[in-house]
Amino acid sequence: MATRTAPAPTVPATSATSATSAGEPAAPERTAGRRPDAGTTVSEGSAGTREPAATRGRTSIAAGVVEKIAGLAAREVPGVFALGGTLSRTLGAVRDRVPGGGHAGASRGVSVEVGRRQTAVDLDVMLEYGVPIDEVARDIRENVIGAVERMTGLEVIEVNISVVDVRLPDEEATAHEPRVQ
């Protein structure tokens, strides 16, 4: 009479852990629904993990992104003439005129520190003459915090504002007139 052998049993759908020769546990091996001699094909079980897709991985936001958002938000506030000190505005204007030298710096006058969940913003601003500085500073803070938190999800822990200059009403007219006629 011939002897029949039973088919190889399948391994239960759990993670099996084996030990290495050094006695340390090896990495868990996925064995759901496959036979030990069947190679690496998985025929049963659920694909992927049970975690929602939105929680798999990490998003990092570059400091330059936060600087641009903060710079644009600060410029939207009435009473703000420009961002940056006199030297940075002058160098930026020269750089903007050179072909391929760059674009109008959305982050000029802005510096940030970005952590995993929080950010801090420092702004150098030039205001229009006659505006109430404390009110404009408050409006800048509110606008910058709102924009950065809404767009990045980072908590803005502080917005430091340095008023570095005030634009006088007659400065624009004399700045564009040629010195030699």
N, C-alpha and C. Protein backbone atom coordinates (compact mmCIF):
# COMPACT_ATOMS: atom_id res chain seq x y z
N MET A 1 0.85 -1.16 0.00
CA MET A 1 0.00 0.00 0.00
C MET A 1 0.89 1.23 0.00
N ALA A 2 0.53 2.23 -0.78
CA ALA A 2 1.34 3.44 -0.91
C ALA A 2 1.02 4.39 0.23
N THR A 3 2.05 5.06 0.67
CA THR A 3 1.89 6.02 1.77
C THR A 3 1.70 7.41 1.19
N ARG A 4 0.67 8.10 1.64
CA ARG A 4 0.44 9.49 1.18
C ARG A 4 0.95 10.45 2.24
N THR A 5 1.58 11.50 1.76
CA THR A 5 2.03 12.54 2.70
C THR A 5 1.04 13.69 2.64
N ALA A 6 0.79 14.26 3.75
CA ALA A 6 -0.13 15.41 3.82
C ALA A 6 0.57 16.65 3.29
N PRO A 7 -0.18 17.57 2.68
CA PRO A 7 0.44 18.82 2.20
C PRO A 7 1.02 19.59 3.39
N ALA A 8 2.04 20.40 3.09
CA ALA A 8 2.68 21.19 4.14
C ALA A 8 1.68 22.17 4.73
N PRO A 9 1.61 22.25 6.06
CA PRO A 9 0.64 23.17 6.67
C PRO A 9 1.05 24.63 6.43
N THR A 10 0.04 25.50 6.39
CA THR A 10 0.34 26.93 6.25
C THR A 10 0.68 27.50 7.60
N VAL A 11 1.50 28.53 7.59
CA VAL A 11 1.92 29.18 8.83
C VAL A 11 0.85 30.19 9.20
N PRO A 12 0.47 30.30 10.48
CA PRO A 12 -0.56 31.26 10.87
C PRO A 12 -0.20 32.68 10.48
N ALA A 13 -1.21 33.53 10.32
CA ALA A 13 -1.02 34.91 9.87
C ALA A 13 -0.58 35.81 11.01
N THR A 14 0.49 35.49 11.66
CA THR A 14 1.05 36.34 12.71
C THR A 14 2.50 36.58 12.41
N SER A 15 3.12 37.51 13.09
CA SER A 15 4.53 37.78 12.89
C SER A 15 5.32 36.78 13.70
N ALA A 16 6.22 36.06 13.03
CA ALA A 16 7.08 35.11 13.72
C ALA A 16 8.42 35.77 13.92
N THR A 17 9.01 35.57 15.09
CA THR A 17 10.31 36.14 15.36
C THR A 17 11.26 34.99 15.65
N SER A 18 12.39 35.00 14.97
CA SER A 18 13.39 33.97 15.23
C SER A 18 14.60 34.63 15.85
N ALA A 19 15.48 33.81 16.40
CA ALA A 19 16.68 34.35 17.04
C ALA A 19 17.86 34.16 16.12
N THR A 20 18.79 35.11 16.14
CA THR A 20 20.01 34.99 15.37
C THR A 20 20.99 34.14 16.15
N SER A 21 22.12 33.82 15.52
CA SER A 21 23.11 33.00 16.19
C SER A 21 23.68 33.68 17.42
N ALA A 22 23.62 35.00 17.48
CA ALA A 22 24.13 35.72 18.65
C ALA A 22 23.10 35.77 19.77
N GLY A 23 21.93 35.20 19.55
CA GLY A 23 20.91 35.19 20.58
C GLY A 23 20.02 36.42 20.56
N GLU A 24 20.22 37.33 19.60
CA GLU A 24 19.39 38.53 19.50
C GLU A 24 18.20 38.20 18.63
N PRO A 25 17.04 38.78 18.93
CA PRO A 25 15.88 38.51 18.09
C PRO A 25 16.08 39.11 16.70
N ALA A 26 15.69 38.38 15.68
CA ALA A 26 15.78 38.87 14.32
C ALA A 26 14.55 39.72 14.04
N ALA A 27 14.57 40.41 12.92
CA ALA A 27 13.44 41.23 12.53
C ALA A 27 12.23 40.33 12.29
N PRO A 28 11.02 40.80 12.63
CA PRO A 28 9.83 39.99 12.40
C PRO A 28 9.69 39.66 10.93
N GLU A 29 9.22 38.46 10.65
CA GLU A 29 9.05 38.01 9.27
C GLU A 29 7.56 37.90 9.00
N ARG A 30 7.13 38.46 7.88
CA ARG A 30 5.71 38.36 7.51
C ARG A 30 5.49 37.00 6.86
N THR A 31 4.56 36.24 7.41
CA THR A 31 4.31 34.89 6.90
C THR A 31 2.84 34.64 6.65
N ALA A 32 2.05 35.66 6.50
CA ALA A 32 0.61 35.50 6.38
C ALA A 32 0.24 34.67 5.16
N GLY A 33 -0.36 33.50 5.42
CA GLY A 33 -0.95 32.71 4.36
C GLY A 33 0.03 32.07 3.40
N ARG A 34 1.27 31.85 3.75
CA ARG A 34 2.19 31.20 2.83
C ARG A 34 2.82 29.98 3.48
N ARG A 35 3.24 29.10 2.68
CA ARG A 35 3.92 27.91 3.16
C ARG A 35 5.39 28.22 3.34
N PRO A 36 6.05 27.56 4.27
CA PRO A 36 7.46 27.83 4.49
C PRO A 36 8.30 27.60 3.25
N ASP A 37 7.88 26.69 2.36
CA ASP A 37 8.67 26.40 1.17
C ASP A 37 8.16 27.15 -0.06
N ALA A 38 7.26 28.10 0.13
CA ALA A 38 6.61 28.75 -1.00
C ALA A 38 7.30 30.04 -1.43
N GLY A 39 8.46 30.38 -0.98
CA GLY A 39 9.13 31.61 -1.41
C GLY A 39 8.59 32.83 -0.69
N THR A 40 8.47 33.95 -1.40
CA THR A 40 8.05 35.19 -0.76
C THR A 40 6.66 35.64 -1.18
N THR A 41 5.90 34.80 -1.82
CA THR A 41 4.57 35.17 -2.26
C THR A 41 3.59 35.16 -1.10
N VAL A 42 2.85 36.25 -0.97
CA VAL A 42 1.81 36.34 0.06
C VAL A 42 0.49 36.25 -0.67
N SER A 43 -0.30 35.24 -0.33
CA SER A 43 -1.55 35.04 -1.04
C SER A 43 -2.76 35.43 -0.22
N GLU A 44 -2.61 35.58 1.08
CA GLU A 44 -3.74 35.92 1.92
C GLU A 44 -3.36 37.08 2.82
N GLY A 45 -4.32 37.65 3.48
CA GLY A 45 -4.05 38.74 4.41
C GLY A 45 -4.35 40.08 3.78
N SER A 46 -4.26 41.14 4.58
CA SER A 46 -4.56 42.47 4.09
C SER A 46 -3.28 43.15 3.61
N ALA A 47 -3.42 43.95 2.57
CA ALA A 47 -2.28 44.68 2.03
C ALA A 47 -2.07 45.94 2.85
N GLY A 48 -0.82 46.34 3.03
CA GLY A 48 -0.51 47.58 3.72
C GLY A 48 -0.69 47.47 5.22
N THR A 49 -0.75 48.60 5.83
CA THR A 49 -0.90 48.67 7.27
C THR A 49 -2.29 49.16 7.62
N ARG A 50 -2.66 49.04 8.84
CA ARG A 50 -4.00 49.48 9.26
C ARG A 50 -4.02 50.97 9.63
N GLU A 51 -2.88 51.64 9.56
CA GLU A 51 -2.83 53.07 9.87
C GLU A 51 -3.38 53.87 8.69
N PRO A 52 -4.06 54.98 8.96
CA PRO A 52 -4.55 55.81 7.86
C PRO A 52 -3.39 56.37 7.04
N ALA A 53 -3.61 56.56 5.76
CA ALA A 53 -2.56 57.05 4.88
C ALA A 53 -2.01 58.41 5.32
N ALA A 54 -2.85 59.25 5.88
CA ALA A 54 -2.42 60.58 6.28
C ALA A 54 -1.41 60.57 7.42
N THR A 55 -1.32 59.49 8.17
CA THR A 55 -0.40 59.44 9.31
C THR A 55 0.89 58.71 8.99
N ARG A 56 1.04 58.20 7.79
CA ARG A 56 2.25 57.47 7.42
C ARG A 56 3.26 58.45 6.83
N GLY A 57 4.35 58.69 7.51
CA GLY A 57 5.38 59.59 7.01
C GLY A 57 5.38 60.91 7.76
N ARG A 58 6.34 61.74 7.41
CA ARG A 58 6.51 63.03 8.08
C ARG A 58 6.67 64.12 7.05
N THR A 59 6.11 65.28 7.28
CA THR A 59 6.24 66.43 6.41
C THR A 59 7.17 67.43 7.06
N SER A 60 8.18 67.87 6.33
CA SER A 60 9.05 68.91 6.85
C SER A 60 8.90 70.15 5.98
N ILE A 61 8.94 71.31 6.61
CA ILE A 61 8.75 72.57 5.92
C ILE A 61 10.04 73.38 6.03
N ALA A 62 10.59 73.77 4.90
CA ALA A 62 11.86 74.51 4.87
C ALA A 62 11.66 75.92 5.42
N ALA A 63 12.72 76.45 6.00
CA ALA A 63 12.66 77.80 6.56
C ALA A 63 12.31 78.82 5.49
N GLY A 64 12.81 78.62 4.27
CA GLY A 64 12.52 79.56 3.18
C GLY A 64 11.04 79.65 2.86
N VAL A 65 10.32 78.56 3.02
CA VAL A 65 8.88 78.56 2.78
C VAL A 65 8.18 79.42 3.82
N VAL A 66 8.54 79.23 5.09
CA VAL A 66 7.94 80.01 6.17
C VAL A 66 8.30 81.49 6.01
N GLU A 67 9.55 81.78 5.59
CA GLU A 67 9.97 83.18 5.37
C GLU A 67 9.12 83.85 4.30
N LYS A 68 8.87 83.15 3.19
CA LYS A 68 8.06 83.74 2.12
C LYS A 68 6.63 83.99 2.58
N ILE A 69 6.05 83.04 3.27
CA ILE A 69 4.68 83.20 3.75
C ILE A 69 4.60 84.40 4.71
N ALA A 70 5.54 84.48 5.65
CA ALA A 70 5.54 85.57 6.62
C ALA A 70 5.79 86.91 5.93
N GLY A 71 6.70 86.95 4.97
CA GLY A 71 7.00 88.19 4.26
C GLY A 71 5.80 88.71 3.48
N LEU A 72 5.14 87.82 2.76
CA LEU A 72 3.95 88.25 2.00
C LEU A 72 2.82 88.68 2.93
N ALA A 73 2.65 87.97 4.03
CA ALA A 73 1.59 88.33 4.98
C ALA A 73 1.87 89.70 5.61
N ALA A 74 3.13 89.98 5.92
CA ALA A 74 3.48 91.27 6.52
C ALA A 74 3.26 92.41 5.53
N ARG A 75 3.58 92.18 4.25
CA ARG A 75 3.42 93.23 3.23
C ARG A 75 1.95 93.57 2.97
N GLU A 76 1.04 92.65 3.29
CA GLU A 76 -0.40 92.88 3.08
C GLU A 76 -0.98 93.91 4.04
N VAL A 77 -0.28 94.19 5.13
CA VAL A 77 -0.82 95.06 6.18
C VAL A 77 -0.69 96.52 5.75
N PRO A 78 -1.79 97.28 5.82
CA PRO A 78 -1.71 98.71 5.50
C PRO A 78 -0.74 99.42 6.45
N GLY A 79 0.10 100.29 5.87
CA GLY A 79 1.09 101.02 6.66
C GLY A 79 2.49 100.46 6.50
N VAL A 80 2.61 99.24 5.98
CA VAL A 80 3.92 98.65 5.74
C VAL A 80 4.36 99.09 4.34
N PHE A 81 5.52 99.77 4.27
CA PHE A 81 6.04 100.19 2.97
C PHE A 81 6.93 99.11 2.37
N ALA A 82 7.83 98.54 3.18
CA ALA A 82 8.76 97.52 2.68
C ALA A 82 9.28 96.71 3.84
N LEU A 83 9.90 95.60 3.52
CA LEU A 83 10.57 94.78 4.52
C LEU A 83 12.07 94.84 4.27
N GLY A 84 12.83 94.74 5.34
CA GLY A 84 14.28 94.74 5.23
C GLY A 84 14.85 96.11 5.58
N GLY A 85 16.12 96.09 5.98
CA GLY A 85 16.82 97.33 6.26
C GLY A 85 17.22 98.03 4.98
N THR A 86 17.78 99.21 5.09
CA THR A 86 18.18 100.00 3.93
C THR A 86 19.17 99.24 3.05
N LEU A 87 20.17 98.61 3.66
CA LEU A 87 21.17 97.89 2.89
C LEU A 87 20.58 96.69 2.17
N SER A 88 19.75 95.91 2.83
CA SER A 88 19.17 94.74 2.16
C SER A 88 18.22 95.15 1.05
N ARG A 89 17.50 96.26 1.21
CA ARG A 89 16.63 96.73 0.13
C ARG A 89 17.45 97.22 -1.04
N THR A 90 18.55 97.92 -0.78
CA THR A 90 19.41 98.42 -1.86
C THR A 90 20.05 97.27 -2.62
N LEU A 91 20.62 96.31 -1.91
CA LEU A 91 21.23 95.15 -2.57
C LEU A 91 20.18 94.34 -3.31
N GLY A 92 19.00 94.22 -2.75
CA GLY A 92 17.92 93.49 -3.41
C GLY A 92 17.47 94.18 -4.68
N ALA A 93 17.42 95.52 -4.68
CA ALA A 93 17.03 96.26 -5.88
C ALA A 93 18.06 96.08 -6.98
N VAL A 94 19.35 96.07 -6.63
CA VAL A 94 20.39 95.84 -7.62
C VAL A 94 20.29 94.42 -8.17
N ARG A 95 20.12 93.45 -7.28
CA ARG A 95 20.01 92.05 -7.70
C ARG A 95 18.79 91.84 -8.60
N ASP A 96 17.70 92.53 -8.32
CA ASP A 96 16.49 92.39 -9.13
C ASP A 96 16.68 92.94 -10.54
N ARG A 97 17.58 93.91 -10.72
CA ARG A 97 17.81 94.50 -12.05
C ARG A 97 18.77 93.69 -12.91
N VAL A 98 19.56 92.84 -12.30
CA VAL A 98 20.50 92.01 -13.04
C VAL A 98 19.75 90.83 -13.64
N PRO A 99 19.90 90.60 -14.97
CA PRO A 99 19.21 89.45 -15.57
C PRO A 99 19.66 88.14 -14.91
N GLY A 100 18.70 87.36 -14.48
CA GLY A 100 19.01 86.09 -13.82
C GLY A 100 19.47 86.26 -12.39
N GLY A 101 19.44 87.47 -11.87
CA GLY A 101 19.94 87.74 -10.53
C GLY A 101 18.96 87.43 -9.43
N GLY A 102 17.75 87.11 -9.79
CA GLY A 102 16.77 86.77 -8.76
C GLY A 102 15.46 87.46 -9.04
N HIS A 103 14.57 87.35 -8.12
CA HIS A 103 13.25 87.97 -8.23
C HIS A 103 13.03 88.81 -6.99
N ALA A 104 11.96 89.58 -7.02
CA ALA A 104 11.66 90.41 -5.85
C ALA A 104 11.59 89.51 -4.62
N GLY A 105 12.44 89.78 -3.65
CA GLY A 105 12.58 88.89 -2.51
C GLY A 105 11.38 88.92 -1.59
N ALA A 106 10.58 87.88 -1.67
CA ALA A 106 9.43 87.77 -0.78
C ALA A 106 9.88 87.58 0.65
N SER A 107 11.10 87.09 0.83
CA SER A 107 11.58 86.83 2.19
C SER A 107 12.61 87.86 2.65
N ARG A 108 12.80 88.93 1.89
CA ARG A 108 13.73 89.98 2.29
C ARG A 108 13.25 90.62 3.59
N GLY A 109 14.14 90.72 4.58
CA GLY A 109 13.79 91.31 5.86
C GLY A 109 13.12 90.34 6.82
N VAL A 110 13.11 89.06 6.46
CA VAL A 110 12.44 88.04 7.28
C VAL A 110 13.46 86.96 7.63
N SER A 111 13.50 86.58 8.89
CA SER A 111 14.27 85.40 9.28
C SER A 111 13.41 84.57 10.22
N VAL A 112 13.57 83.26 10.12
CA VAL A 112 12.75 82.36 10.93
C VAL A 112 13.60 81.25 11.50
N GLU A 113 13.09 80.67 12.55
CA GLU A 113 13.60 79.41 13.10
C GLU A 113 12.44 78.44 13.03
N VAL A 114 12.69 77.29 12.42
CA VAL A 114 11.62 76.31 12.24
C VAL A 114 12.00 75.01 12.96
N GLY A 115 11.10 74.57 13.83
CA GLY A 115 11.25 73.29 14.50
C GLY A 115 10.29 72.29 13.90
N ARG A 116 10.09 71.18 14.59
CA ARG A 116 9.17 70.16 14.09
C ARG A 116 7.73 70.59 14.17
N ARG A 117 7.37 71.37 15.21
CA ARG A 117 5.98 71.77 15.40
C ARG A 117 5.80 73.27 15.60
N GLN A 118 6.89 74.00 15.77
CA GLN A 118 6.79 75.43 16.07
C GLN A 118 7.74 76.23 15.20
N THR A 119 7.47 77.52 15.12
CA THR A 119 8.35 78.44 14.41
C THR A 119 8.34 79.79 15.10
N ALA A 120 9.43 80.53 14.92
CA ALA A 120 9.54 81.90 15.43
C ALA A 120 9.94 82.77 14.24
N VAL A 121 9.40 83.98 14.18
CA VAL A 121 9.60 84.87 13.03
C VAL A 121 10.17 86.20 13.51
N ASP A 122 11.20 86.69 12.80
CA ASP A 122 11.76 88.02 13.03
C ASP A 122 11.60 88.83 11.75
N LEU A 123 11.06 90.05 11.88
CA LEU A 123 10.81 90.91 10.73
C LEU A 123 11.50 92.26 10.91
N ASP A 124 12.14 92.75 9.85
CA ASP A 124 12.63 94.13 9.78
C ASP A 124 11.71 94.86 8.81
N VAL A 125 11.02 95.90 9.30
CA VAL A 125 10.02 96.56 8.47
C VAL A 125 10.30 98.05 8.34
N MET A 126 9.88 98.59 7.20
CA MET A 126 9.89 100.02 6.96
C MET A 126 8.42 100.43 6.84
N LEU A 127 8.00 101.35 7.69
CA LEU A 127 6.60 101.76 7.71
C LEU A 127 6.42 103.11 7.04
N GLU A 128 5.18 103.39 6.68
CA GLU A 128 4.82 104.70 6.13
C GLU A 128 4.85 105.72 7.27
N TYR A 129 5.24 106.95 6.98
CA TYR A 129 5.25 108.01 7.98
C TYR A 129 3.81 108.31 8.40
N GLY A 130 3.60 108.47 9.69
CA GLY A 130 2.30 108.88 10.22
C GLY A 130 1.41 107.76 10.70
N VAL A 131 1.77 106.53 10.43
CA VAL A 131 0.92 105.42 10.89
C VAL A 131 1.23 105.13 12.36
N PRO A 132 0.23 104.68 13.12
CA PRO A 132 0.48 104.31 14.53
C PRO A 132 1.28 102.99 14.57
N ILE A 133 2.53 103.09 14.96
CA ILE A 133 3.45 101.95 14.89
C ILE A 133 2.95 100.76 15.70
N ASP A 134 2.45 101.00 16.91
CA ASP A 134 2.00 99.87 17.74
C ASP A 134 0.81 99.15 17.12
N GLU A 135 -0.10 99.88 16.47
CA GLU A 135 -1.25 99.24 15.82
C GLU A 135 -0.82 98.46 14.58
N VAL A 136 0.08 99.04 13.80
CA VAL A 136 0.57 98.34 12.60
C VAL A 136 1.33 97.08 13.01
N ALA A 137 2.14 97.17 14.06
CA ALA A 137 2.88 96.00 14.55
C ALA A 137 1.91 94.90 15.00
N ARG A 138 0.85 95.29 15.68
CA ARG A 138 -0.16 94.31 16.12
C ARG A 138 -0.81 93.65 14.90
N ASP A 139 -1.15 94.46 13.90
CA ASP A 139 -1.78 93.92 12.69
C ASP A 139 -0.83 92.99 11.93
N ILE A 140 0.46 93.36 11.90
CA ILE A 140 1.45 92.49 11.25
C ILE A 140 1.50 91.15 11.97
N ARG A 141 1.58 91.18 13.29
CA ARG A 141 1.64 89.93 14.07
C ARG A 141 0.43 89.05 13.78
N GLU A 142 -0.75 89.64 13.84
CA GLU A 142 -1.98 88.87 13.61
C GLU A 142 -1.99 88.25 12.21
N ASN A 143 -1.60 89.03 11.20
CA ASN A 143 -1.64 88.54 9.83
C ASN A 143 -0.59 87.46 9.59
N VAL A 144 0.62 87.67 10.11
CA VAL A 144 1.69 86.69 9.93
C VAL A 144 1.35 85.38 10.65
N ILE A 145 0.92 85.49 11.90
CA ILE A 145 0.58 84.28 12.66
C ILE A 145 -0.56 83.52 11.97
N GLY A 146 -1.59 84.22 11.55
CA GLY A 146 -2.71 83.57 10.87
C GLY A 146 -2.29 82.86 9.59
N ALA A 147 -1.49 83.54 8.76
CA ALA A 147 -1.08 82.95 7.48
C ALA A 147 -0.15 81.76 7.68
N VAL A 148 0.85 81.91 8.53
CA VAL A 148 1.81 80.82 8.73
C VAL A 148 1.14 79.60 9.36
N GLU A 149 0.33 79.81 10.38
CA GLU A 149 -0.33 78.67 11.03
C GLU A 149 -1.33 78.00 10.10
N ARG A 150 -2.05 78.78 9.32
CA ARG A 150 -3.05 78.21 8.40
C ARG A 150 -2.38 77.42 7.28
N MET A 151 -1.29 77.94 6.73
CA MET A 151 -0.67 77.29 5.57
C MET A 151 0.29 76.16 5.94
N THR A 152 0.91 76.24 7.11
CA THR A 152 1.92 75.24 7.45
C THR A 152 1.51 74.29 8.56
N GLY A 153 0.57 74.70 9.40
CA GLY A 153 0.20 73.88 10.54
C GLY A 153 1.18 74.03 11.71
N LEU A 154 2.22 74.85 11.54
CA LEU A 154 3.17 75.09 12.62
C LEU A 154 2.60 76.11 13.59
N GLU A 155 2.92 75.96 14.86
CA GLU A 155 2.52 76.94 15.86
C GLU A 155 3.55 78.07 15.85
N VAL A 156 3.09 79.29 15.66
CA VAL A 156 3.99 80.46 15.70
C VAL A 156 4.08 80.91 17.14
N ILE A 157 5.27 80.76 17.72
CA ILE A 157 5.42 81.09 19.14
C ILE A 157 5.71 82.56 19.37
N GLU A 158 6.30 83.24 18.34
CA GLU A 158 6.52 84.68 18.48
C GLU A 158 6.79 85.29 17.12
N VAL A 159 6.42 86.56 17.01
CA VAL A 159 6.75 87.38 15.84
C VAL A 159 7.40 88.64 16.38
N ASN A 160 8.70 88.77 16.19
CA ASN A 160 9.45 89.94 16.65
C ASN A 160 9.56 90.92 15.49
N ILE A 161 9.22 92.17 15.75
CA ILE A 161 9.20 93.18 14.70
C ILE A 161 10.17 94.30 15.06
N SER A 162 11.06 94.60 14.14
CA SER A 162 11.97 95.74 14.29
C SER A 162 11.61 96.75 13.22
N VAL A 163 11.20 97.94 13.66
CA VAL A 163 10.92 99.01 12.71
C VAL A 163 12.26 99.68 12.44
N VAL A 164 12.79 99.45 11.24
CA VAL A 164 14.13 99.91 10.90
C VAL A 164 14.15 101.23 10.15
N ASP A 165 12.99 101.67 9.65
CA ASP A 165 12.95 102.92 8.90
C ASP A 165 11.51 103.37 8.75
N VAL A 166 11.35 104.64 8.43
CA VAL A 166 10.04 105.22 8.15
C VAL A 166 10.15 105.93 6.81
N ARG A 167 9.23 105.64 5.91
CA ARG A 167 9.22 106.28 4.59
C ARG A 167 8.52 107.62 4.70
N LEU A 168 9.27 108.67 4.41
CA LEU A 168 8.73 110.03 4.44
C LEU A 168 7.98 110.29 3.14
N PRO A 169 6.99 111.18 3.18
CA PRO A 169 6.17 111.42 1.98
C PRO A 169 6.98 111.91 0.78
N ASP A 170 8.03 112.67 0.98
CA ASP A 170 8.79 113.21 -0.16
C ASP A 170 9.93 112.29 -0.62
N GLU A 171 10.17 111.18 0.05
CA GLU A 171 11.28 110.29 -0.32
C GLU A 171 11.08 109.64 -1.69
N GLU A 172 9.89 109.27 -2.05
CA GLU A 172 9.67 108.59 -3.31
C GLU A 172 9.94 109.50 -4.49
N ALA A 173 9.52 110.76 -4.41
CA ALA A 173 9.71 111.69 -5.52
C ALA A 173 11.21 111.94 -5.76
N THR A 174 11.99 112.11 -4.72
CA THR A 174 13.41 112.40 -4.92
C THR A 174 14.20 111.15 -5.27
N ALA A 175 13.71 109.98 -4.92
CA ALA A 175 14.45 108.74 -5.20
C ALA A 175 14.46 108.41 -6.68
N HIS A 176 13.44 108.84 -7.44
CA HIS A 176 13.35 108.48 -8.84
C HIS A 176 13.83 109.60 -9.76
N GLU A 177 14.08 110.77 -9.25
CA GLU A 177 14.59 111.87 -10.09
C GLU A 177 16.08 111.69 -10.33
N PRO A 178 16.52 111.90 -11.56
CA PRO A 178 17.96 111.79 -11.82
C PRO A 178 18.71 112.95 -11.16
N ARG A 179 19.92 112.68 -10.71
CA ARG A 179 20.72 113.73 -10.06
C ARG A 179 21.28 114.68 -11.09
N VAL A 180 21.58 114.18 -12.27
CA VAL A 180 22.17 115.02 -13.33
C VAL A 180 21.16 115.17 -14.42
N GLN A 181 20.97 116.45 -14.88
CA GLN A 181 20.00 116.67 -15.97
C GLN A 181 20.68 117.18 -17.20
